[in-house]
Protein backbone atom coordinates (compact mmCIF):
# COMPACT_ATOMS: atom_id res chain seq x y z
CA UNK A 1 31.53 120.87 43.28
CA UNK A 2 28.77 118.62 44.13
CA UNK A 3 28.34 115.66 46.26
CA UNK A 4 26.81 114.34 43.13
CA UNK A 5 29.95 114.64 41.25
CA UNK A 6 31.98 112.57 43.91
CA UNK A 7 30.10 109.44 44.70
CA UNK A 8 31.11 107.05 46.75
CA UNK A 9 29.37 103.86 46.63
CA UNK A 10 29.07 100.93 48.94
CA UNK A 11 31.16 98.49 46.44
CA UNK A 12 33.99 101.40 46.59
CA UNK A 13 34.22 102.34 50.15
CA UNK A 14 37.29 101.20 52.13
CA UNK A 15 38.69 100.12 48.24
CA UNK A 16 42.32 101.94 48.63
CA UNK A 17 42.10 105.37 48.72
CA UNK A 18 42.37 108.71 50.48
CA UNK A 19 44.59 111.87 50.22
CA UNK A 20 47.81 111.31 48.43
CA UNK A 21 49.02 114.59 49.49
CA UNK A 22 50.01 113.81 52.68
CA UNK A 23 48.43 116.53 55.19
CA UNK A 24 46.03 118.57 53.18
CA UNK A 25 46.64 121.38 55.20
CA UNK A 26 50.13 121.59 54.65
CA UNK A 27 50.43 119.83 50.69
CA UNK A 28 52.56 117.15 49.62
CA UNK A 29 56.12 116.31 51.13
CA UNK A 30 58.93 115.27 50.04
CA UNK A 31 61.65 116.04 47.63
CA UNK A 32 60.26 117.36 44.43
CA UNK A 33 60.92 115.96 40.99
CA UNK A 34 61.15 113.99 38.54
CA UNK A 35 60.07 117.16 36.20
CA UNK A 36 57.72 119.11 38.69
CA UNK A 37 58.75 121.81 40.75
CA UNK A 38 56.44 121.01 43.90
CA UNK A 39 56.34 117.81 45.67
CA UNK A 40 53.38 115.78 44.72
CA UNK A 41 52.04 112.36 45.71
CA UNK A 42 54.32 109.97 44.33
CA UNK A 43 57.50 112.14 45.92
CA UNK A 44 55.60 110.34 49.45
CA UNK A 45 57.93 107.86 51.50
CA UNK A 46 55.14 105.69 52.22
CA UNK A 47 57.77 102.80 53.81
CA UNK A 48 55.96 103.53 57.41
CA UNK A 49 52.56 103.78 56.58
CA UNK A 50 49.96 101.08 57.61
CA UNK A 51 48.48 98.63 54.86
CA UNK A 52 44.62 99.34 53.87
CA UNK A 53 42.64 97.33 56.37
CA UNK A 54 41.57 95.67 53.11
CA UNK A 55 44.96 95.49 52.19
CA UNK A 56 44.87 91.06 51.95
CA UNK A 57 41.30 90.69 50.54
CA UNK A 58 42.43 93.41 47.60
CA UNK A 59 45.36 91.25 47.08
CA UNK A 60 43.55 87.92 47.32
CA UNK A 61 40.96 88.97 44.82
CA UNK A 62 43.53 90.01 42.47
CA UNK A 63 45.51 86.54 42.89
CA UNK A 64 42.27 84.75 42.36
CA UNK A 65 41.92 87.16 39.26
CA UNK A 66 45.06 85.83 37.75
CA UNK A 67 47.93 88.33 38.87
CA UNK A 68 50.00 90.23 37.31
CA UNK A 69 49.55 90.45 33.37
CA UNK A 70 51.74 88.15 30.91
CA UNK A 71 50.90 84.76 32.53
CA UNK A 72 51.30 86.30 35.87
CA UNK A 73 54.89 87.62 34.92
CA UNK A 74 56.05 91.16 36.16
CA UNK A 75 57.55 92.28 32.76
CA UNK A 76 58.85 95.83 32.09
CA UNK A 77 58.13 97.55 29.01
CA UNK A 78 60.72 99.52 27.89
CA UNK A 79 59.15 101.35 24.69
CA UNK A 80 58.34 104.97 26.17
CA UNK A 81 60.16 108.11 25.12
CA UNK A 82 60.81 110.97 27.03
CA UNK A 83 61.79 113.97 24.89
CA UNK A 84 63.09 116.90 26.02
CA UNK A 85 62.41 120.44 23.61
CA UNK A 86 65.49 122.56 21.95
CA UNK A 87 65.98 126.01 20.44
CA UNK A 88 64.96 124.07 17.14
CA UNK A 89 61.79 122.34 17.67
CA UNK A 90 58.79 123.28 16.06
CA UNK A 91 55.26 123.86 17.88
CA UNK A 92 52.80 121.33 15.59
CA UNK A 93 48.99 121.66 15.54
CA UNK A 94 47.00 118.34 15.41
CA UNK A 95 43.65 117.26 14.47
CA UNK A 96 42.05 115.10 16.89
CA UNK A 97 41.13 111.55 16.76
CA UNK A 98 37.06 111.05 17.41
CA UNK A 99 37.96 107.81 18.72
CA UNK A 100 39.98 108.93 21.40
CA UNK A 101 39.09 112.36 22.32
CA UNK A 102 37.37 113.79 25.23
CA UNK A 103 35.86 117.15 26.04
CA UNK A 104 36.64 119.02 28.47
CA UNK A 105 39.30 116.25 29.67
CA UNK A 106 41.81 117.13 26.52
CA UNK A 107 43.98 119.70 25.36
CA UNK A 108 43.75 121.13 21.56
CA UNK A 109 47.03 123.61 21.95
CA UNK A 110 49.56 122.94 19.73
CA UNK A 111 52.42 120.51 20.32
CA UNK A 112 56.41 120.34 20.62
CA UNK A 113 57.66 117.95 18.20
CA UNK A 114 61.40 117.28 18.48
CA UNK A 115 63.51 116.01 15.54
CA UNK A 116 64.18 113.04 15.65
CA UNK A 117 61.91 111.66 18.05
CA UNK A 118 59.34 108.69 18.35
CA UNK A 119 56.20 107.72 19.93
CA UNK A 120 55.77 104.82 22.42
CA UNK A 121 56.69 101.53 20.73
CA UNK A 122 57.78 103.36 17.81
CA UNK A 123 60.59 103.82 15.86
CA UNK A 124 59.36 107.13 14.81
CA UNK A 125 56.18 109.44 15.01
CA UNK A 126 54.04 107.53 12.91
CA UNK A 127 51.98 104.83 14.95
CA UNK A 128 51.67 101.74 12.65
CA UNK A 129 51.60 98.89 15.36
CA UNK A 130 48.58 99.48 16.86
CA UNK A 131 49.59 100.27 20.11
CA UNK A 132 48.91 103.41 22.47
CA UNK A 133 51.76 105.37 20.85
CA UNK A 134 51.94 107.85 23.56
CA UNK A 135 54.15 111.00 22.41
CA UNK A 136 55.64 112.45 25.32
CA UNK A 137 57.56 115.93 25.51
CA UNK A 138 59.20 118.08 27.98
CA UNK A 139 59.81 121.49 27.46
CA UNK A 140 61.72 122.99 30.07
CA UNK A 141 61.76 126.51 29.16
CA UNK A 142 58.37 126.78 29.62
CA UNK A 143 57.98 124.23 32.31
CA UNK A 144 55.18 121.53 30.78
CA UNK A 145 54.86 118.28 29.88
CA UNK A 146 52.88 117.31 26.88
CA UNK A 147 51.55 113.72 27.23
CA UNK A 148 49.32 112.59 24.23
CA UNK A 149 47.74 109.12 23.91
CA UNK A 150 47.39 108.00 20.11
CA UNK A 151 49.63 110.44 18.32
CA UNK A 152 50.25 109.58 15.20
CA UNK A 153 52.61 112.05 12.91
CA UNK A 154 52.31 110.49 9.33
CA UNK A 155 54.26 113.66 7.36
CA UNK A 156 54.63 117.48 8.28
CA UNK A 157 50.91 117.96 7.36
CA UNK A 158 49.24 114.93 8.95
CA UNK A 159 49.34 114.74 12.69
CA UNK A 160 46.35 113.48 14.77
CA UNK A 161 46.19 112.64 18.25
CA UNK A 162 43.59 111.14 20.94
CA UNK A 163 43.94 113.08 24.15
CA UNK A 164 46.16 115.15 24.92
CA UNK A 165 47.44 116.78 28.42
CA UNK A 166 49.28 119.58 29.59
CA UNK A 167 50.76 119.44 32.61
CA UNK A 168 52.43 123.04 34.07
CA UNK A 169 55.36 121.70 35.69
CA UNK A 170 55.68 124.68 37.93
CA UNK A 171 52.21 124.59 39.04
CA UNK A 172 51.24 123.21 42.44
CA UNK A 173 48.41 120.76 41.87
CA UNK A 174 46.12 119.57 44.32
CA UNK A 175 44.32 116.11 44.76
CA UNK A 176 42.05 116.64 42.08
CA UNK A 177 45.01 117.23 39.48
CA UNK A 178 43.66 118.86 36.24
CA UNK A 179 40.37 118.14 37.31
CA UNK A 180 38.05 114.92 39.09
CA UNK A 181 36.88 112.93 36.43
CA UNK A 182 38.93 113.85 34.07
CA UNK A 183 41.23 111.74 31.78
CA UNK A 184 44.82 112.41 30.76
CA UNK A 185 46.87 110.90 28.26
CA UNK A 186 46.96 107.64 30.75
CA UNK A 187 43.38 106.02 31.96
CA UNK A 188 43.54 107.31 35.69
CA UNK A 189 43.88 110.85 35.00
CA UNK A 190 48.09 110.72 35.98
CA UNK A 191 50.81 112.10 34.55
CA UNK A 192 53.13 109.44 32.95
CA UNK A 193 56.49 110.76 32.59
CA UNK A 194 57.46 111.20 36.42
CA UNK A 195 55.87 107.85 37.37
CA UNK A 196 58.32 106.39 34.50
CA UNK A 197 61.76 105.32 35.80
CA UNK A 198 65.20 105.58 33.29
CA UNK A 199 68.25 103.77 32.76
CA UNK A 200 70.20 107.17 34.29
CA UNK A 201 68.10 107.03 37.66
CA UNK A 202 68.72 103.32 37.87
CA UNK A 203 71.98 103.82 37.09
CA UNK A 204 72.65 106.31 40.03
CA UNK A 205 71.31 103.74 42.64
CA UNK A 206 69.02 104.94 43.79
CA UNK A 207 65.05 105.77 42.16
CA UNK A 208 63.78 108.70 44.37
CA UNK A 209 59.65 108.26 43.34
CA UNK A 210 56.88 105.59 43.14
CA UNK A 211 56.88 104.54 39.54
CA UNK A 212 53.41 103.58 37.81
CA UNK A 213 51.85 99.96 37.07
CA UNK A 214 49.11 98.65 34.84
CA UNK A 215 46.63 95.55 35.19
CA UNK A 216 44.98 94.04 32.47
CA UNK A 217 40.91 95.15 32.52
CA UNK A 218 39.43 92.33 33.92
CA UNK A 219 41.52 92.65 36.98
CA UNK A 220 40.08 95.82 38.17
CA UNK A 221 36.83 97.05 39.61
CA UNK A 222 35.20 100.11 37.73
CA UNK A 223 35.80 103.20 39.51
CA UNK A 224 38.72 104.78 41.34
CA UNK A 225 40.79 106.14 44.18
CA UNK A 226 42.97 109.07 45.24
CA UNK A 227 45.22 110.20 43.44
CA UNK A 228 43.41 108.67 40.42
CA UNK A 229 41.21 111.51 39.07
CA UNK A 230 39.82 109.00 36.06
CA UNK A 231 38.85 105.50 35.81
CA UNK A 232 38.11 103.44 32.84
CA UNK A 233 35.56 100.86 32.62
CA UNK A 234 36.70 97.42 33.37
CA UNK A 235 35.11 93.89 32.86
CA UNK A 236 36.56 92.71 36.64
CA UNK A 237 34.38 90.94 39.10
CA UNK A 238 32.39 93.95 40.71
CA UNK A 239 31.22 92.38 43.36
CA UNK A 240 34.69 91.30 44.70
CA UNK A 241 37.88 92.80 46.11
CA UNK A 242 39.24 93.28 42.96
CA UNK A 243 41.72 96.85 43.25
CA UNK A 244 40.23 100.19 41.78
CA UNK A 245 42.38 102.58 39.30
CA UNK A 246 44.47 105.10 41.22
CA UNK A 247 45.61 101.81 43.66
CA UNK A 248 48.79 101.89 45.69
CA UNK A 249 50.62 98.85 46.27
CA UNK A 250 53.83 98.86 48.33
CA UNK A 251 56.41 96.22 48.62
CA UNK A 252 56.69 94.12 52.02
CA UNK A 253 59.35 95.43 53.75
CA UNK A 254 60.74 91.83 54.41
CA UNK A 255 60.83 91.22 50.62
CA UNK A 256 64.04 89.39 50.24
CA UNK A 257 65.67 92.31 47.71
CA UNK A 258 69.40 90.86 47.54
CA UNK A 259 67.94 87.83 45.80
CA UNK A 260 66.74 89.52 42.69
CA UNK A 261 69.05 88.87 40.06
CA UNK A 262 70.57 92.38 38.99
CA UNK A 263 71.77 95.57 40.31
CA UNK A 264 69.29 97.55 38.48
CA UNK A 265 66.30 94.92 39.71
CA UNK A 266 67.18 96.14 43.62
CA UNK A 267 66.80 99.60 42.54
CA UNK A 268 63.62 99.34 41.43
CA UNK A 269 62.66 97.33 44.69
CA UNK A 270 63.85 99.54 46.90
CA UNK A 271 61.69 102.43 45.50
CA UNK A 272 58.58 99.84 45.71
CA UNK A 273 59.24 99.73 49.49
CA UNK A 274 59.73 103.59 49.92
CA UNK A 275 57.06 105.01 47.69
CA UNK A 276 55.42 102.27 46.33
CA UNK A 277 53.62 102.16 42.90
CA UNK A 278 50.31 103.25 41.42
CA UNK A 279 47.87 101.51 39.21
CA UNK A 280 47.39 103.85 35.71
CA UNK A 281 46.04 101.52 33.41
CA UNK A 282 45.32 99.11 31.44
CA UNK A 283 47.85 96.46 29.95
CA UNK A 284 49.89 93.57 30.04
CA UNK A 285 53.14 94.54 30.83
CA UNK A 286 53.15 95.52 34.64
CA UNK A 287 55.95 98.24 35.06
CA UNK A 288 56.59 101.15 32.66
CA UNK A 289 60.36 102.09 32.03
CA UNK A 290 61.64 105.05 29.77
CA UNK A 291 63.59 104.20 26.55
CA UNK A 292 67.13 104.42 27.10
CA UNK A 293 67.84 106.44 23.39
CA UNK A 294 68.34 110.01 25.60
CA UNK A 295 69.96 108.74 28.46
CA UNK A 296 73.58 108.22 29.36
CA UNK A 297 73.43 104.98 30.92
CA UNK A 298 71.99 102.03 28.86
CA UNK A 299 69.81 99.32 29.90
CA UNK A 300 72.01 96.51 28.72
CA UNK A 301 73.47 94.69 31.90
CA UNK A 302 71.57 97.17 33.55
CA UNK A 303 68.05 95.67 33.91
CA UNK A 304 66.42 93.24 32.02
CA UNK A 305 62.53 92.73 31.11
CA UNK A 306 62.10 89.51 33.16
CA UNK A 307 64.42 90.62 36.21
CA UNK A 308 61.02 91.68 38.74
CA UNK A 309 59.72 88.67 37.44
CA UNK A 310 60.08 86.92 40.70
CA UNK A 311 57.81 89.84 42.71
CA UNK A 312 54.56 88.52 43.02
CA UNK A 313 50.64 89.75 43.86
CA UNK A 314 51.19 88.45 46.93
CA UNK A 315 54.57 90.34 47.88
CA UNK A 316 52.69 93.39 47.81
CA UNK A 317 50.28 95.57 50.51
CA UNK A 318 47.88 97.82 49.51
CA UNK A 319 48.48 101.67 51.11
CA UNK A 320 44.88 103.05 52.25
CA UNK A 321 43.92 106.09 50.40
CA UNK A 322 40.46 106.45 51.89
CA UNK A 323 37.10 105.80 50.28
CA UNK A 324 36.84 105.32 46.56
CA UNK A 325 34.98 106.92 43.90
CA UNK A 326 32.44 106.40 41.13
CA UNK A 327 32.99 106.98 37.26
CA UNK A 328 31.10 110.04 36.41
CA UNK A 329 32.69 110.85 33.16
CA UNK A 330 31.59 114.32 34.32
CA UNK A 331 35.31 116.44 33.76
CA UNK A 332 35.31 119.12 35.81
CA UNK A 333 38.62 121.23 34.48
């Protein structure tokens, strides 16, 4: 890959980036999963890593811009559905939606569609509310994860979709994942499913991976930092220290976790201290969880959407992942 394809500009250098895979000679360390058979960036214990040199400036810029979405309330979105295939699951072809489909970033292969099921934010597969309508399906038999943005299945004959990203769950991905400058079903080019948390994980008392978070686009600068491989164009102050796509935040070690209102919130907070959270997309709900429609444990009585509202941006530190990378949209698959 030529240097022109990965350009670190003066505004991006030292923002928040680096090599998310640990030692570049040995690859990622840690217990693999969820879903993936090899350790990934989200498996890394970063509790003892130093904060980035510009951590306080980045957090300060995020505070000045308004903090989290939802009027600076850390809310949890429980609308993501993670479905698994079975012996009856049929493959379905789709027509790429030109408004949301990019080549060569996105796949055009057939997608398994479990019945019953639903896309994000809907009770079924039809995208009727104008949301992101992510379709997430895990094929355990063939070790593949299908993630699509703007999926819309109206009938057996009508299936349109935005960007489809297919992840091989038995593959050892390097730091460019599916390809540098390549979108996935998420703005940062990351997988979605392994960064969600579900009710069974939280009920077990331990969340063993980093999680996904989002910010309004006016609180993010253009560019990205590893482990992200892509970034959306934003309208944040480009001359400021605002975070980039892919920024890695860690809850401060001295945060009083026992002050949180539920056991579920405490489990997540401990994971945020150990693994942190990665910025993956634009939006108002800071944290994203999997629906409990397909889990044994249920969210009721375990975790509410406002149980982490006490967490402010000032309670987090930025983990250094090296220099920022300029967006070129020159996807290299």
